[in-house]
Amino acid sequence: YHLEGEAPTLVSKEVEITWANLKEGLYASLKEHLRVDVQALKPTSLSAAVGLARLYEAKYHSQQLVS
């Protein structure tokens, strides 16, 4: 999937890694059209969110090839 800017990095071992933190970082890094589609399906895990982002990216890519 395409990222806007760089993905957030953790710089401290004291940061608590939660699904909310991971989700926020992932959503912030996605292009808007992917972010909207992924958020609409409310994935419950990071792997599900990344999988959806990849799926939608492939969908948009194939639509661009047809156009």
N, C-alpha and C. Protein backbone atom coordinates (compact mmCIF):
# COMPACT_ATOMS: atom_id res chain seq x y z
N TYR A 1 0.83 -1.17 0.00
CA TYR A 1 0.00 0.00 0.00
C TYR A 1 0.87 1.24 0.00
N HIS A 2 0.32 2.33 -0.47
CA HIS A 2 1.10 3.56 -0.58
C HIS A 2 0.97 4.38 0.69
N LEU A 3 2.08 4.91 1.14
CA LEU A 3 2.11 5.75 2.33
C LEU A 3 2.27 7.21 1.93
N GLU A 4 1.61 8.08 2.67
CA GLU A 4 1.84 9.51 2.51
C GLU A 4 2.86 9.89 3.57
N GLY A 5 4.03 10.29 3.17
CA GLY A 5 5.07 10.60 4.14
C GLY A 5 5.67 9.32 4.68
N GLU A 6 6.30 9.44 5.82
CA GLU A 6 6.93 8.28 6.43
C GLU A 6 6.04 7.71 7.53
N ALA A 7 6.11 6.41 7.70
CA ALA A 7 5.35 5.77 8.76
C ALA A 7 5.91 6.19 10.11
N PRO A 8 5.04 6.34 11.11
CA PRO A 8 5.54 6.73 12.43
C PRO A 8 6.47 5.67 13.02
N THR A 9 7.44 6.09 13.79
CA THR A 9 8.35 5.15 14.44
C THR A 9 8.27 5.34 15.95
N LEU A 10 8.56 4.30 16.67
CA LEU A 10 8.60 4.38 18.12
C LEU A 10 10.01 4.72 18.55
N VAL A 11 10.15 5.73 19.39
CA VAL A 11 11.49 6.15 19.79
C VAL A 11 11.76 5.87 21.27
N SER A 12 10.77 5.41 21.97
CA SER A 12 10.95 5.15 23.39
C SER A 12 10.40 3.77 23.74
N LYS A 13 11.11 3.06 24.59
CA LYS A 13 10.63 1.75 25.02
C LYS A 13 9.46 1.88 25.99
N GLU A 14 9.24 3.09 26.48
CA GLU A 14 8.17 3.31 27.45
C GLU A 14 6.81 3.55 26.81
N VAL A 15 6.75 3.62 25.49
CA VAL A 15 5.50 3.85 24.80
C VAL A 15 4.67 2.58 24.84
N GLU A 16 3.43 2.71 25.29
CA GLU A 16 2.54 1.57 25.30
C GLU A 16 1.96 1.39 23.90
N ILE A 17 2.16 0.21 23.35
CA ILE A 17 1.66 -0.06 22.01
C ILE A 17 0.27 -0.68 22.13
N THR A 18 -0.71 0.06 21.68
CA THR A 18 -2.09 -0.40 21.72
C THR A 18 -2.64 -0.45 20.31
N TRP A 19 -3.76 -1.12 20.14
CA TRP A 19 -4.40 -1.16 18.84
C TRP A 19 -4.76 0.25 18.40
N ALA A 20 -5.21 1.08 19.32
CA ALA A 20 -5.56 2.46 18.97
C ALA A 20 -4.34 3.22 18.43
N ASN A 21 -3.17 3.03 19.05
CA ASN A 21 -1.95 3.70 18.58
C ASN A 21 -1.54 3.19 17.19
N LEU A 22 -1.58 1.89 17.02
CA LEU A 22 -1.21 1.30 15.73
C LEU A 22 -2.18 1.73 14.63
N LYS A 23 -3.46 1.71 14.96
CA LYS A 23 -4.49 2.09 14.00
C LYS A 23 -4.32 3.55 13.59
N GLU A 24 -4.09 4.40 14.55
CA GLU A 24 -3.90 5.83 14.27
C GLU A 24 -2.70 6.04 13.35
N GLY A 25 -1.60 5.36 13.63
CA GLY A 25 -0.41 5.47 12.79
C GLY A 25 -0.64 4.96 11.38
N LEU A 26 -1.30 3.83 11.27
CA LEU A 26 -1.58 3.26 9.95
C LEU A 26 -2.49 4.18 9.16
N TYR A 27 -3.59 4.60 9.75
CA TYR A 27 -4.53 5.46 9.06
C TYR A 27 -3.89 6.77 8.63
N ALA A 28 -3.03 7.32 9.46
CA ALA A 28 -2.36 8.58 9.13
C ALA A 28 -1.43 8.42 7.94
N SER A 29 -0.91 7.22 7.73
CA SER A 29 0.05 7.00 6.65
C SER A 29 -0.60 6.62 5.32
N LEU A 30 -1.89 6.29 5.34
CA LEU A 30 -2.57 5.90 4.10
C LEU A 30 -3.03 7.11 3.31
N LYS A 31 -3.06 6.95 2.00
CA LYS A 31 -3.66 7.99 1.16
C LYS A 31 -5.14 8.05 1.49
N GLU A 32 -5.73 9.22 1.31
CA GLU A 32 -7.10 9.44 1.76
C GLU A 32 -8.11 8.44 1.22
N HIS A 33 -8.05 8.12 -0.07
CA HIS A 33 -9.04 7.19 -0.63
C HIS A 33 -8.92 5.80 0.00
N LEU A 34 -7.71 5.38 0.35
CA LEU A 34 -7.55 4.09 1.03
C LEU A 34 -7.99 4.19 2.48
N ARG A 35 -7.66 5.29 3.14
CA ARG A 35 -8.01 5.48 4.55
C ARG A 35 -9.52 5.40 4.74
N VAL A 36 -10.27 6.07 3.88
CA VAL A 36 -11.73 6.09 4.00
C VAL A 36 -12.29 4.68 3.88
N ASP A 37 -11.84 3.93 2.88
CA ASP A 37 -12.35 2.56 2.68
C ASP A 37 -11.97 1.63 3.83
N VAL A 38 -10.74 1.71 4.29
CA VAL A 38 -10.29 0.84 5.37
C VAL A 38 -11.04 1.18 6.67
N GLN A 39 -11.14 2.46 6.99
CA GLN A 39 -11.84 2.86 8.21
C GLN A 39 -13.31 2.45 8.18
N ALA A 40 -13.93 2.49 7.02
CA ALA A 40 -15.36 2.16 6.91
C ALA A 40 -15.64 0.72 7.34
N LEU A 41 -14.67 -0.17 7.15
CA LEU A 41 -14.87 -1.57 7.50
C LEU A 41 -14.47 -1.90 8.93
N LYS A 42 -13.91 -0.92 9.64
CA LYS A 42 -13.56 -1.05 11.06
C LYS A 42 -12.79 -2.34 11.38
N PRO A 43 -11.61 -2.50 10.80
CA PRO A 43 -10.82 -3.71 11.10
C PRO A 43 -10.46 -3.77 12.58
N THR A 44 -10.36 -4.98 13.10
CA THR A 44 -10.11 -5.16 14.53
C THR A 44 -8.67 -5.55 14.84
N SER A 45 -7.83 -5.63 13.82
CA SER A 45 -6.42 -5.94 14.05
C SER A 45 -5.57 -5.22 13.02
N LEU A 46 -4.30 -5.08 13.33
CA LEU A 46 -3.37 -4.44 12.40
C LEU A 46 -3.27 -5.24 11.11
N SER A 47 -3.19 -6.54 11.21
CA SER A 47 -3.06 -7.36 10.00
C SER A 47 -4.31 -7.24 9.12
N ALA A 48 -5.48 -7.15 9.72
CA ALA A 48 -6.71 -6.97 8.94
C ALA A 48 -6.71 -5.60 8.26
N ALA A 49 -6.27 -4.57 8.95
CA ALA A 49 -6.23 -3.22 8.39
C ALA A 49 -5.24 -3.15 7.23
N VAL A 50 -4.07 -3.74 7.40
CA VAL A 50 -3.06 -3.74 6.33
C VAL A 50 -3.58 -4.57 5.15
N GLY A 51 -4.20 -5.69 5.42
CA GLY A 51 -4.77 -6.51 4.35
C GLY A 51 -5.82 -5.76 3.56
N LEU A 52 -6.68 -5.03 4.24
CA LEU A 52 -7.70 -4.24 3.55
C LEU A 52 -7.06 -3.13 2.72
N ALA A 53 -6.05 -2.48 3.27
CA ALA A 53 -5.36 -1.43 2.53
C ALA A 53 -4.75 -1.99 1.25
N ARG A 54 -4.15 -3.16 1.33
CA ARG A 54 -3.56 -3.79 0.15
C ARG A 54 -4.63 -4.18 -0.87
N LEU A 55 -5.73 -4.69 -0.37
CA LEU A 55 -6.84 -5.08 -1.24
C LEU A 55 -7.39 -3.87 -1.99
N TYR A 56 -7.66 -2.79 -1.27
CA TYR A 56 -8.18 -1.59 -1.92
C TYR A 56 -7.16 -0.96 -2.85
N GLU A 57 -5.89 -1.02 -2.50
CA GLU A 57 -4.87 -0.49 -3.39
C GLU A 57 -4.87 -1.27 -4.71
N ALA A 58 -4.97 -2.58 -4.64
CA ALA A 58 -5.02 -3.40 -5.86
C ALA A 58 -6.26 -3.07 -6.68
N LYS A 59 -7.37 -2.86 -6.00
CA LYS A 59 -8.61 -2.50 -6.68
C LYS A 59 -8.45 -1.20 -7.43
N TYR A 60 -7.93 -0.16 -6.77
CA TYR A 60 -7.76 1.13 -7.42
C TYR A 60 -6.74 1.06 -8.54
N HIS A 61 -5.70 0.28 -8.35
CA HIS A 61 -4.68 0.13 -9.39
C HIS A 61 -5.28 -0.51 -10.63
N SER A 62 -6.07 -1.56 -10.45
CA SER A 62 -6.66 -2.25 -11.60
C SER A 62 -7.69 -1.35 -12.30
N GLN A 63 -8.40 -0.51 -11.55
CA GLN A 63 -9.35 0.42 -12.15
C GLN A 63 -8.63 1.47 -13.00
N GLN A 64 -7.45 1.89 -12.56
CA GLN A 64 -6.68 2.87 -13.31
C GLN A 64 -6.15 2.27 -14.61
N LEU A 65 -5.84 0.99 -14.59
CA LEU A 65 -5.34 0.33 -15.81
C LEU A 65 -6.45 0.23 -16.86
N VAL A 66 -7.68 0.04 -16.41
CA VAL A 66 -8.83 -0.11 -17.32
C VAL A 66 -9.22 1.26 -17.89
N SER A 67 -9.09 2.30 -17.11
CA SER A 67 -9.51 3.65 -17.54
C SER A 67 -8.67 4.21 -18.63
